[in-house]
Protein backbone atom coordinates (compact mmCIF):
# COMPACT_ATOMS: atom_id res chain seq x y z
CA MET A 1 30.94 -24.65 -2.43
CA VAL A 2 27.38 -25.69 -2.18
CA GLU A 3 25.97 -26.21 1.45
CA LEU A 4 22.91 -27.58 2.44
CA VAL A 5 21.34 -25.01 4.83
CA THR A 6 17.98 -26.67 5.94
CA GLY A 7 19.39 -29.95 6.49
CA HIS A 8 21.21 -31.91 9.27
CA ALA A 9 24.77 -31.78 9.06
CA ASN A 10 25.99 -33.18 12.30
CA LYS A 11 27.19 -29.91 13.40
CA ALA A 12 25.92 -26.12 13.96
CA HIS A 13 26.24 -24.74 10.40
CA ALA A 14 22.80 -22.50 9.78
CA THR A 15 24.05 -18.92 10.06
CA ALA A 16 21.94 -15.63 10.70
CA GLU A 17 23.62 -14.48 7.30
CA GLN A 18 21.94 -17.15 5.58
CA ALA A 19 18.63 -16.78 7.13
CA ALA A 20 18.83 -13.07 6.37
CA GLY A 21 19.74 -13.89 2.55
CA LEU A 22 16.73 -16.14 2.44
CA ASN A 23 14.53 -13.39 3.88
CA ALA A 24 15.58 -10.77 1.52
CA GLY A 25 15.21 -13.17 -1.50
CA ILE A 26 11.61 -13.96 -0.42
CA LEU A 27 10.66 -10.40 0.87
CA GLY A 28 12.79 -8.09 -1.47
CA LEU A 29 15.69 -5.78 -0.53
CA ASP A 30 13.38 -3.05 1.06
CA ASP A 31 12.63 -2.55 4.69
CA TYR A 32 9.09 -3.16 6.08
CA VAL A 33 7.11 -3.40 9.27
CA LEU A 34 5.09 -6.57 9.62
CA ASP A 35 1.27 -6.39 9.87
CA VAL A 36 1.14 -7.77 13.55
CA HIS A 37 1.00 -6.49 16.94
CA ASP A 38 1.11 -2.57 17.02
CA LYS A 39 2.98 -2.47 13.93
CA LEU A 40 5.40 0.06 16.00
CA LYS A 41 2.83 2.47 16.58
CA ILE A 42 4.26 5.90 18.05
CA THR A 43 2.67 7.75 20.79
CA VAL A 44 3.94 11.22 21.92
CA VAL A 45 4.33 11.24 25.72
CA SER A 46 5.72 14.66 26.16
CA ALA A 47 7.84 17.39 24.71
CA ASN A 48 10.79 15.32 24.90
CA LYS A 49 9.51 11.77 25.02
CA VAL A 50 7.72 9.21 22.56
CA THR A 51 6.57 5.44 22.93
CA ILE A 52 7.06 3.15 20.27
CA GLY A 53 4.61 0.10 20.42
CA THR A 54 5.25 -3.51 19.64
CA GLY A 55 5.76 -5.05 16.38
CA GLU A 56 7.98 -7.02 14.09
CA LEU A 57 10.21 -5.63 11.18
CA VAL A 58 12.48 -6.79 8.57
CA MET A 59 15.47 -4.73 7.60
CA GLN A 60 17.48 -5.85 4.65
CA GLY A 61 16.66 -9.50 5.59
CA ARG A 62 17.26 -9.04 9.38
CA HIS A 63 14.14 -9.64 11.46
CA VAL A 64 13.95 -7.41 14.42
CA SER A 65 11.27 -7.88 17.17
CA GLN A 66 9.75 -5.35 19.76
CA GLY A 67 8.26 -7.40 22.15
CA THR A 68 7.19 -4.61 24.74
CA PRO A 69 6.88 -0.75 24.27
CA GLU A 70 9.76 1.19 24.63
CA ASP A 71 10.24 4.89 25.51
CA LEU A 72 12.81 6.97 23.53
CA ILE A 73 14.01 10.60 24.50
CA VAL A 74 13.97 13.40 22.06
CA THR A 75 16.49 16.24 22.51
CA ASN A 76 14.38 19.25 23.43
CA GLY A 77 13.89 22.05 20.76
CA SER A 78 15.00 25.40 20.76
CA GLN A 79 12.85 28.66 20.61
CA GLY A 80 12.57 30.14 17.20
CA GLN A 81 14.10 27.24 15.42
CA LYS A 82 13.04 23.99 13.57
CA ARG A 83 14.40 20.49 13.64
CA ASN A 84 13.64 17.12 11.92
CA ASP A 85 14.74 13.98 14.12
CA LEU A 86 14.42 10.50 12.96
CA ILE A 87 13.52 7.51 14.78
CA VAL A 88 15.18 4.45 13.12
CA CYS A 89 15.88 1.00 14.07
CA ARG A 90 19.68 0.56 13.79
CA TYR A 91 21.39 -2.48 12.75
CA ALA A 92 25.25 -2.99 14.08
CA LYS A 93 27.82 -5.32 13.68
CA GLY A 94 30.46 -5.18 16.29
CA SER A 95 33.64 -6.98 17.12
CA GLN A 96 33.96 -10.67 16.74
CA ASN A 97 30.90 -9.95 14.15
CA ILE A 98 28.45 -9.68 17.26
CA GLU A 99 25.27 -8.32 15.52
CA SER A 100 22.44 -6.07 17.38
CA ALA A 101 19.78 -3.99 16.77
CA LYS A 102 18.13 -1.00 18.82
CA LEU A 103 15.86 1.95 18.39
CA VAL A 104 17.76 5.14 17.99
CA VAL A 105 16.53 8.88 18.11
CA VAL A 106 19.02 10.51 15.20
CA ARG A 107 18.98 14.48 15.91
CA GLY A 108 18.76 16.76 13.06
CA THR A 109 20.17 20.25 12.68
CA PRO A 110 18.16 23.12 14.16
CA THR A 111 17.58 25.90 11.46
CA THR A 112 15.43 29.16 11.29
CA GLY A 113 14.62 27.86 7.81
CA THR A 114 13.34 24.53 6.42
CA PRO A 115 14.59 21.69 8.27
CA THR A 116 16.03 18.64 6.73
CA ASP A 117 16.25 14.98 7.87
CA PRO A 118 19.66 13.96 9.23
CA ALA A 119 21.69 11.52 7.49
CA VAL A 120 21.51 8.02 8.12
CA ASN A 121 23.65 4.79 7.56
CA THR A 122 22.41 3.14 4.02
CA THR A 123 25.06 0.49 3.37
CA SER A 124 23.28 -2.70 3.66
CA PRO A 125 24.62 -5.59 5.64
CA LEU A 126 24.11 -7.71 2.64
CA ASP A 127 26.67 -5.46 1.02
CA GLY A 128 29.01 -5.46 3.87
CA GLY A 129 27.66 -2.74 5.78
CA THR A 130 28.25 -2.81 9.58
CA THR A 131 25.72 -0.06 10.43
CA TYR A 132 22.38 0.22 8.84
CA ASP A 133 19.41 2.52 9.64
CA MET A 134 15.92 1.68 8.76
CA PRO A 135 13.78 5.21 9.23
CA LEU A 136 10.49 4.59 11.05
CA TYR A 137 9.41 8.13 12.00
CA ARG A 138 10.29 11.72 11.33
CA ILE A 139 9.78 13.86 14.39
CA PRO A 140 9.24 17.47 13.48
CA LEU A 141 9.97 20.05 16.08
CA ASP A 142 8.96 23.84 16.09
CA GLY A 143 10.55 25.65 18.87
CA ILE A 144 9.89 23.42 21.82
CA THR A 145 7.01 21.79 20.63
CA ILE A 146 6.77 18.21 19.00
CA GLY A 147 4.62 18.08 15.82
CA ALA A 148 2.87 14.97 14.67
CA PRO A 149 5.23 12.16 13.76
CA VAL A 150 5.39 11.01 10.32
CA ALA A 151 5.60 7.40 9.50
CA LEU A 152 8.39 6.50 6.78
CA PHE A 153 8.05 2.74 6.60
CA ASN A 154 5.69 0.50 4.72
CA VAL A 155 3.51 -2.29 6.28
CA LEU A 156 4.21 -5.57 4.43
CA LYS A 157 0.86 -7.47 4.04
CA PRO A 158 0.55 -11.17 4.73
CA MET A 159 0.38 -13.68 1.81
CA SER A 160 -3.24 -14.22 2.90
CA ASP A 161 -4.03 -10.45 1.57
CA VAL A 162 -2.20 -11.24 -1.67
CA TRP A 163 -4.07 -14.37 -2.38
CA ASP A 164 -7.50 -12.38 -1.89
CA SER A 165 -6.17 -9.43 -4.37
CA LEU A 166 -5.45 -12.25 -6.85
CA THR A 167 -9.00 -14.00 -6.54
CA PRO A 168 -11.51 -12.87 -8.94
CA VAL A 169 -14.83 -11.59 -7.34
CA THR A 170 -17.97 -11.45 -9.70
CA GLY A 171 -20.89 -9.04 -9.56
CA GLN A 172 -23.31 -7.49 -11.92
CA VAL A 173 -25.18 -4.46 -12.92
CA ARG A 174 -28.13 -4.08 -14.69
CA MET A 175 -28.04 -2.72 -18.29
CA PRO A 176 -30.54 0.28 -18.64
CA TYR A 177 -32.99 0.05 -21.29
CA SER A 178 -32.80 -3.65 -20.84
CA ASP A 179 -33.78 -6.68 -18.75
CA ARG A 180 -30.29 -8.23 -18.97
CA TYR A 181 -27.31 -7.67 -16.75
CA ILE A 182 -23.34 -6.75 -17.36
CA THR A 183 -21.13 -8.98 -15.50
CA LEU A 184 -18.70 -7.41 -13.49
CA VAL A 185 -15.16 -9.13 -12.42
CA ARG A 186 -12.77 -7.60 -10.09
CA VAL A 187 -9.20 -9.02 -9.57
CA GLY A 188 -7.36 -6.81 -6.89
CA ARG A 189 -8.14 -3.25 -8.02
CA ILE A 190 -9.02 -4.01 -11.67
CA VAL A 191 -12.63 -4.50 -12.75
CA THR A 192 -13.55 -5.57 -16.12
CA ALA A 193 -17.02 -5.49 -17.40
CA CYS A 194 -18.79 -7.72 -20.44
CA ALA A 195 -22.23 -8.65 -21.74
CA TYR A 196 -23.69 -9.63 -25.01
CA ILE A 197 -27.16 -8.53 -24.59
CA THR A 198 -30.53 -7.25 -26.09
CA LEU A 199 -32.26 -3.77 -25.54
CA THR A 200 -35.89 -3.87 -24.40
CA SER A 201 -36.42 -0.05 -25.25
CA ASN A 202 -35.08 2.57 -27.75
CA PHE A 203 -32.99 5.40 -26.59
CA THR A 204 -31.85 8.11 -29.23
CA GLN A 205 -28.89 10.39 -29.02
CA VAL A 206 -29.21 10.85 -25.23
CA SER A 207 -26.53 12.94 -23.71
CA ASN A 208 -25.39 12.56 -20.16
CA THR A 209 -28.59 11.09 -19.07
CA SER A 210 -28.78 9.82 -15.46
CA VAL A 211 -30.31 6.22 -14.96
CA ASN A 212 -31.68 4.28 -12.00
CA GLU A 213 -29.34 1.49 -12.32
CA THR A 214 -26.14 1.72 -9.84
CA ILE A 215 -22.63 -0.04 -9.93
CA PRO A 216 -22.51 -2.24 -6.67
CA LYS A 217 -20.05 -1.45 -4.01
CA GLY A 218 -16.73 -3.16 -4.35
CA PHE A 219 -16.80 -2.55 -8.10
CA ARG A 220 -17.07 1.02 -8.06
CA PRO A 221 -14.43 3.36 -9.44
CA SER A 222 -11.86 5.21 -7.39
CA GLY A 223 -12.03 9.06 -6.94
CA ASP A 224 -9.64 9.78 -9.56
CA SER A 225 -11.11 7.85 -12.41
CA ARG A 226 -14.63 6.72 -13.93
CA ALA A 227 -16.18 3.48 -14.90
CA VAL A 228 -16.59 3.41 -18.69
CA MET A 229 -18.59 0.85 -20.41
CA ARG A 230 -18.89 1.03 -24.17
CA GLY A 231 -21.66 -0.88 -26.17
CA THR A 232 -21.92 -1.27 -29.86
CA ASP A 233 -23.22 -3.65 -32.50
CA ASN A 234 -21.87 -5.09 -35.67
CA SER A 235 -23.55 -2.86 -37.94
CA GLY A 236 -22.50 0.31 -36.15
CA ALA A 237 -25.89 1.62 -35.79
CA ILE A 238 -25.91 1.31 -32.13
CA SER A 239 -23.24 3.03 -30.04
CA PHE A 240 -23.37 4.21 -26.55
CA TYR A 241 -21.30 4.91 -23.37
CA LEU A 242 -21.97 4.27 -19.70
CA TYR A 243 -20.10 6.29 -17.16
CA GLY A 244 -20.06 5.50 -13.58
CA THR A 245 -18.93 7.51 -10.65
CA PRO A 246 -17.20 6.54 -7.43
CA GLU A 247 -20.70 6.60 -5.73
CA GLY A 248 -22.08 4.07 -8.24
CA LYS A 249 -24.26 6.51 -10.13
CA MET A 250 -24.25 5.94 -13.91
CA VAL A 251 -25.14 8.19 -16.96
CA LEU A 252 -25.81 7.27 -20.23
CA ASN A 253 -24.62 8.79 -23.79
CA GLY A 254 -25.50 7.63 -27.27
CA THR A 255 -28.18 5.58 -28.91
CA GLY A 256 -29.83 2.00 -29.01
CA TYR A 257 -32.63 -0.04 -30.61
CA THR A 258 -35.08 -2.54 -29.13
CA SER A 259 -34.13 -6.02 -29.84
CA ARG A 260 -30.56 -5.41 -31.09
CA PHE A 261 -27.89 -7.32 -29.86
CA VAL A 262 -25.14 -5.17 -28.39
CA GLY A 263 -21.53 -6.22 -27.01
CA ILE A 264 -20.67 -4.06 -23.87
CA SER A 265 -17.14 -4.09 -22.47
CA GLY A 266 -15.20 -1.88 -20.18
CA CYS A 267 -12.37 -1.68 -17.55
CA TRP A 268 -11.51 0.81 -14.63
CA ILE A 269 -9.71 0.88 -11.41
CA THR A 270 -11.30 0.64 -8.01
CA ALA A 271 -10.63 2.49 -4.85
């Protein structure tokens, strides 16, 4: 039967299950730490104690708040053995359907070999699970020494960041051997380049020639890619490539002639 949740029904009727379903439908079925407060930052205090900072998280649609920092005890390690512990946020549904959440250290199995993470509860409360664990950190122990904690969660960025990532940003870079500019448009991490311009000087069969013009910051390619811009005219007599590096430097390859109209296009991923 259909029920109006966000409406006055003259009785208490909105449930936590309905709120969780709405959160999961909007945010997705993954678990996230929200981008506020300390984002549950971890601090190693001693060989057997860590502190989890303030923050907010959403696990399977359930919103959990950490209003003040909390200390957690890690069981001491053993000489000559390694172990992985996990810090999790544990959801539980008990008798009379009373629900709760708390931070828990799940102890791993000591070994002289390569340690593995301990098992956690993975049945979602959305699927009827009564205990569910959201892993936050892996705590590696080598002997009695606590290693650097490893974050296991994703931070969910706010809608303002999503809006910014979808808003086009424009820029330009001057075309070598020309007094015209190539238009650059960035949406998120994708940059497109386009222009229809004339050249003011000849260049013939240049090969990996460095030019003075540079790609402006914010439009430069990521470290594992290059900006590639191709120029050509209808006759095919002009054909060249511009390669851009993550530092913004460009090199030119190909041929171009004075006063010829050329179309330029390109696309790449920024850092």
